[in-house]
Amino acid sequence: MIKILENLKCFLRGFLSAFKQQSTEYLEFEERELENVFALLLMGAFVGIPSPPTTLVMRLMPHMVREIYVMQQRVIDMDDIFGEIAALFDVT
């Protein structure tokens, strides 16, 4: 009887641990997606999406430091030959 209770206790610990881990992963994914939506709202004018009023964007911009850094790193890490050629000809 004691062995069964120990096995049940072990099973429940494992189950709760997996549930916590999966819940945490879902929350982290949702946070990343909300950050992307937030960045799209503030930077949407660059891709043609109507943006919120400029005063609101300027007040929220300090919260975008991480997103701007990530975008800058992607540009630096990307080897974009067409972008370099366009920069040479000053295409706007």
N, C-alpha and C. Protein backbone atom coordinates (compact mmCIF):
# COMPACT_ATOMS: atom_id res chain seq x y z
N MET A 1 0.82 -1.20 0.00
CA MET A 1 0.00 0.00 0.00
C MET A 1 0.86 1.26 0.00
N ILE A 2 1.94 1.22 0.77
CA ILE A 2 2.85 2.37 0.85
C ILE A 2 3.52 2.58 -0.50
N LYS A 3 3.88 1.51 -1.17
CA LYS A 3 4.52 1.59 -2.49
C LYS A 3 3.58 2.28 -3.50
N ILE A 4 2.30 1.94 -3.43
CA ILE A 4 1.31 2.54 -4.35
C ILE A 4 1.19 4.04 -4.08
N LEU A 5 1.16 4.42 -2.80
CA LEU A 5 1.07 5.84 -2.46
C LEU A 5 2.32 6.61 -2.91
N GLU A 6 3.48 5.98 -2.76
CA GLU A 6 4.72 6.62 -3.21
C GLU A 6 4.72 6.79 -4.73
N ASN A 7 4.27 5.76 -5.44
CA ASN A 7 4.20 5.85 -6.89
C ASN A 7 3.20 6.93 -7.32
N LEU A 8 2.07 7.00 -6.64
CA LEU A 8 1.07 8.02 -6.95
C LEU A 8 1.63 9.42 -6.68
N LYS A 9 2.33 9.55 -5.57
CA LYS A 9 2.94 10.84 -5.22
C LYS A 9 3.98 11.24 -6.28
N CYS A 10 4.78 10.30 -6.69
CA CYS A 10 5.80 10.56 -7.72
C CYS A 10 5.14 10.94 -9.05
N PHE A 11 4.08 10.22 -9.41
CA PHE A 11 3.35 10.53 -10.65
C PHE A 11 2.78 11.94 -10.61
N LEU A 12 2.14 12.30 -9.49
CA LEU A 12 1.54 13.63 -9.38
C LEU A 12 2.60 14.73 -9.42
N ARG A 13 3.76 14.49 -8.79
CA ARG A 13 4.85 15.47 -8.87
C ARG A 13 5.30 15.68 -10.31
N GLY A 14 5.47 14.58 -11.03
CA GLY A 14 5.87 14.68 -12.43
C GLY A 14 4.82 15.37 -13.28
N PHE A 15 3.56 15.03 -13.04
CA PHE A 15 2.47 15.64 -13.78
C PHE A 15 2.41 17.14 -13.54
N LEU A 16 2.49 17.55 -12.27
CA LEU A 16 2.44 18.98 -11.94
C LEU A 16 3.66 19.72 -12.48
N SER A 17 4.80 19.08 -12.44
CA SER A 17 6.02 19.70 -12.98
C SER A 17 5.88 19.93 -14.49
N ALA A 18 5.39 18.93 -15.20
CA ALA A 18 5.19 19.08 -16.65
C ALA A 18 4.14 20.14 -16.94
N PHE A 19 3.09 20.18 -16.14
CA PHE A 19 2.04 21.18 -16.33
C PHE A 19 2.58 22.59 -16.12
N LYS A 20 3.40 22.77 -15.09
CA LYS A 20 4.02 24.08 -14.84
C LYS A 20 4.94 24.49 -15.98
N GLN A 21 5.73 23.54 -16.45
CA GLN A 21 6.67 23.84 -17.53
C GLN A 21 5.92 24.22 -18.81
N GLN A 22 4.90 23.48 -19.16
CA GLN A 22 4.13 23.77 -20.37
C GLN A 22 3.40 25.10 -20.23
N SER A 23 2.86 25.38 -19.06
CA SER A 23 2.18 26.65 -18.84
C SER A 23 3.15 27.81 -18.97
N THR A 24 4.35 27.64 -18.44
CA THR A 24 5.37 28.68 -18.54
C THR A 24 5.76 28.90 -20.00
N GLU A 25 5.91 27.84 -20.76
CA GLU A 25 6.25 27.98 -22.18
C GLU A 25 5.16 28.73 -22.94
N TYR A 26 3.90 28.44 -22.64
CA TYR A 26 2.80 29.15 -23.29
C TYR A 26 2.81 30.62 -22.95
N LEU A 27 3.07 30.94 -21.69
CA LEU A 27 3.12 32.34 -21.27
C LEU A 27 4.28 33.09 -21.93
N GLU A 28 5.43 32.43 -22.04
CA GLU A 28 6.58 33.05 -22.70
C GLU A 28 6.29 33.30 -24.17
N PHE A 29 5.64 32.34 -24.82
CA PHE A 29 5.27 32.51 -26.23
C PHE A 29 4.31 33.68 -26.38
N GLU A 30 3.30 33.75 -25.50
CA GLU A 30 2.34 34.84 -25.58
C GLU A 30 3.00 36.19 -25.35
N GLU A 31 3.96 36.24 -24.42
CA GLU A 31 4.68 37.49 -24.17
C GLU A 31 5.45 37.94 -25.42
N ARG A 32 6.12 36.98 -26.08
CA ARG A 32 6.86 37.33 -27.31
C ARG A 32 5.92 37.86 -28.39
N GLU A 33 4.77 37.21 -28.53
CA GLU A 33 3.81 37.65 -29.54
C GLU A 33 3.24 39.03 -29.21
N LEU A 34 2.97 39.29 -27.94
CA LEU A 34 2.48 40.61 -27.56
C LEU A 34 3.54 41.68 -27.79
N GLU A 35 4.81 41.34 -27.57
CA GLU A 35 5.89 42.28 -27.88
C GLU A 35 5.93 42.57 -29.38
N ASN A 36 5.71 41.55 -30.19
CA ASN A 36 5.70 41.76 -31.64
C ASN A 36 4.53 42.65 -32.06
N VAL A 37 3.38 42.44 -31.47
CA VAL A 37 2.22 43.28 -31.78
C VAL A 37 2.49 44.71 -31.34
N PHE A 38 3.10 44.88 -30.18
CA PHE A 38 3.43 46.20 -29.68
C PHE A 38 4.40 46.90 -30.64
N ALA A 39 5.42 46.17 -31.10
CA ALA A 39 6.36 46.75 -32.05
C ALA A 39 5.67 47.09 -33.36
N LEU A 40 4.77 46.26 -33.81
CA LEU A 40 4.05 46.53 -35.05
C LEU A 40 3.18 47.78 -34.93
N LEU A 41 2.57 47.96 -33.76
CA LEU A 41 1.78 49.16 -33.56
C LEU A 41 2.64 50.42 -33.63
N LEU A 42 3.82 50.36 -33.01
CA LEU A 42 4.66 51.56 -32.98
C LEU A 42 5.43 51.78 -34.27
N MET A 43 5.83 50.71 -34.92
CA MET A 43 6.64 50.83 -36.13
C MET A 43 5.85 50.53 -37.39
N GLY A 44 4.54 50.41 -37.28
CA GLY A 44 3.71 50.01 -38.41
C GLY A 44 3.74 50.96 -39.58
N ALA A 45 4.04 52.23 -39.33
CA ALA A 45 4.08 53.21 -40.42
C ALA A 45 5.14 52.84 -41.46
N PHE A 46 6.18 52.12 -41.04
CA PHE A 46 7.24 51.73 -41.97
C PHE A 46 6.78 50.68 -42.97
N VAL A 47 5.75 49.92 -42.62
CA VAL A 47 5.26 48.88 -43.53
C VAL A 47 3.87 49.19 -44.06
N GLY A 48 3.39 50.41 -43.80
CA GLY A 48 2.12 50.85 -44.37
C GLY A 48 0.90 50.64 -43.51
N ILE A 49 1.09 50.28 -42.25
CA ILE A 49 -0.05 50.11 -41.35
C ILE A 49 -0.25 51.44 -40.62
N PRO A 50 -1.47 51.93 -40.55
CA PRO A 50 -1.69 53.20 -39.84
C PRO A 50 -1.20 53.09 -38.40
N SER A 51 -0.49 54.09 -37.96
CA SER A 51 0.08 54.04 -36.62
C SER A 51 -0.70 54.93 -35.67
N PRO A 52 -0.51 54.72 -34.38
CA PRO A 52 -1.17 55.56 -33.39
C PRO A 52 -0.61 56.98 -33.43
N PRO A 53 -1.22 57.92 -32.72
CA PRO A 53 -0.72 59.29 -32.72
C PRO A 53 0.75 59.39 -32.31
N THR A 54 1.44 60.34 -32.88
CA THR A 54 2.88 60.47 -32.66
C THR A 54 3.23 60.69 -31.19
N THR A 55 2.43 61.47 -30.48
CA THR A 55 2.73 61.72 -29.07
C THR A 55 2.69 60.42 -28.26
N LEU A 56 1.75 59.55 -28.59
CA LEU A 56 1.67 58.26 -27.91
C LEU A 56 2.87 57.40 -28.24
N VAL A 57 3.27 57.40 -29.50
CA VAL A 57 4.42 56.61 -29.93
C VAL A 57 5.68 57.10 -29.22
N MET A 58 5.84 58.41 -29.10
CA MET A 58 7.03 58.96 -28.45
C MET A 58 7.07 58.60 -26.96
N ARG A 59 5.92 58.54 -26.32
CA ARG A 59 5.89 58.16 -24.91
C ARG A 59 6.18 56.67 -24.72
N LEU A 60 5.79 55.85 -25.68
CA LEU A 60 6.00 54.41 -25.57
C LEU A 60 7.36 53.95 -26.10
N MET A 61 8.04 54.79 -26.86
CA MET A 61 9.30 54.40 -27.49
C MET A 61 10.37 53.90 -26.50
N PRO A 62 10.51 54.47 -25.29
CA PRO A 62 11.53 53.91 -24.38
C PRO A 62 11.31 52.43 -24.05
N HIS A 63 10.10 51.96 -24.18
CA HIS A 63 9.82 50.54 -23.90
C HIS A 63 10.21 49.65 -25.09
N MET A 64 10.63 50.26 -26.17
CA MET A 64 10.98 49.53 -27.39
C MET A 64 12.47 49.28 -27.54
N VAL A 65 13.26 49.58 -26.53
CA VAL A 65 14.72 49.48 -26.65
C VAL A 65 15.14 48.08 -27.08
N ARG A 66 14.58 47.06 -26.44
CA ARG A 66 14.96 45.68 -26.78
C ARG A 66 14.57 45.33 -28.22
N GLU A 67 13.36 45.72 -28.63
CA GLU A 67 12.91 45.42 -29.99
C GLU A 67 13.77 46.12 -31.04
N ILE A 68 14.12 47.37 -30.78
CA ILE A 68 14.96 48.11 -31.73
C ILE A 68 16.34 47.46 -31.82
N TYR A 69 16.87 47.02 -30.68
CA TYR A 69 18.16 46.33 -30.69
C TYR A 69 18.08 45.04 -31.50
N VAL A 70 17.02 44.27 -31.33
CA VAL A 70 16.86 43.02 -32.08
C VAL A 70 16.77 43.31 -33.58
N MET A 71 15.98 44.32 -33.96
CA MET A 71 15.87 44.67 -35.38
C MET A 71 17.22 45.10 -35.95
N GLN A 72 17.96 45.88 -35.17
CA GLN A 72 19.28 46.34 -35.62
C GLN A 72 20.23 45.16 -35.79
N GLN A 73 20.22 44.21 -34.86
CA GLN A 73 21.08 43.03 -34.98
C GLN A 73 20.72 42.19 -36.20
N ARG A 74 19.43 42.08 -36.50
CA ARG A 74 19.02 41.32 -37.69
C ARG A 74 19.52 41.98 -38.96
N VAL A 75 19.51 43.29 -38.98
CA VAL A 75 20.00 44.01 -40.16
C VAL A 75 21.50 43.83 -40.29
N ILE A 76 22.22 43.91 -39.17
CA ILE A 76 23.67 43.76 -39.21
C ILE A 76 24.06 42.35 -39.60
N ASP A 77 23.37 41.35 -39.05
CA ASP A 77 23.71 39.95 -39.31
C ASP A 77 23.30 39.48 -40.70
N MET A 78 22.35 40.16 -41.32
CA MET A 78 21.84 39.73 -42.62
C MET A 78 22.77 40.21 -43.74
N ASP A 79 23.08 39.33 -44.64
CA ASP A 79 23.90 39.68 -45.80
C ASP A 79 22.95 39.97 -46.96
N ASP A 80 22.56 41.24 -47.09
CA ASP A 80 21.56 41.64 -48.08
C ASP A 80 22.25 42.36 -49.25
N ILE A 81 22.54 41.64 -50.30
CA ILE A 81 23.23 42.21 -51.45
C ILE A 81 22.36 43.22 -52.16
N PHE A 82 21.06 42.91 -52.31
CA PHE A 82 20.16 43.85 -52.98
C PHE A 82 20.02 45.15 -52.20
N GLY A 83 20.02 45.06 -50.88
CA GLY A 83 19.95 46.25 -50.06
C GLY A 83 21.19 47.10 -50.21
N GLU A 84 22.36 46.47 -50.32
CA GLU A 84 23.60 47.21 -50.50
C GLU A 84 23.61 47.90 -51.87
N ILE A 85 23.13 47.21 -52.90
CA ILE A 85 23.07 47.82 -54.24
C ILE A 85 22.10 48.99 -54.25
N ALA A 86 20.95 48.83 -53.60
CA ALA A 86 19.99 49.92 -53.52
C ALA A 86 20.58 51.10 -52.78
N ALA A 87 21.39 50.85 -51.75
CA ALA A 87 22.03 51.94 -51.02
C ALA A 87 23.04 52.67 -51.90
N LEU A 88 23.71 51.96 -52.78
CA LEU A 88 24.69 52.60 -53.67
C LEU A 88 24.01 53.57 -54.63
N PHE A 89 22.82 53.19 -55.11
CA PHE A 89 22.10 54.04 -56.07
C PHE A 89 21.15 55.02 -55.41
N ASP A 90 21.12 55.04 -54.09
CA ASP A 90 20.27 55.96 -53.33
C ASP A 90 18.81 55.83 -53.77
N VAL A 91 18.32 54.59 -53.80
CA VAL A 91 16.94 54.33 -54.17
C VAL A 91 16.07 54.62 -52.96
N THR A 92 15.06 55.48 -53.16
CA THR A 92 14.14 55.78 -52.04
C THR A 92 12.71 55.56 -52.46
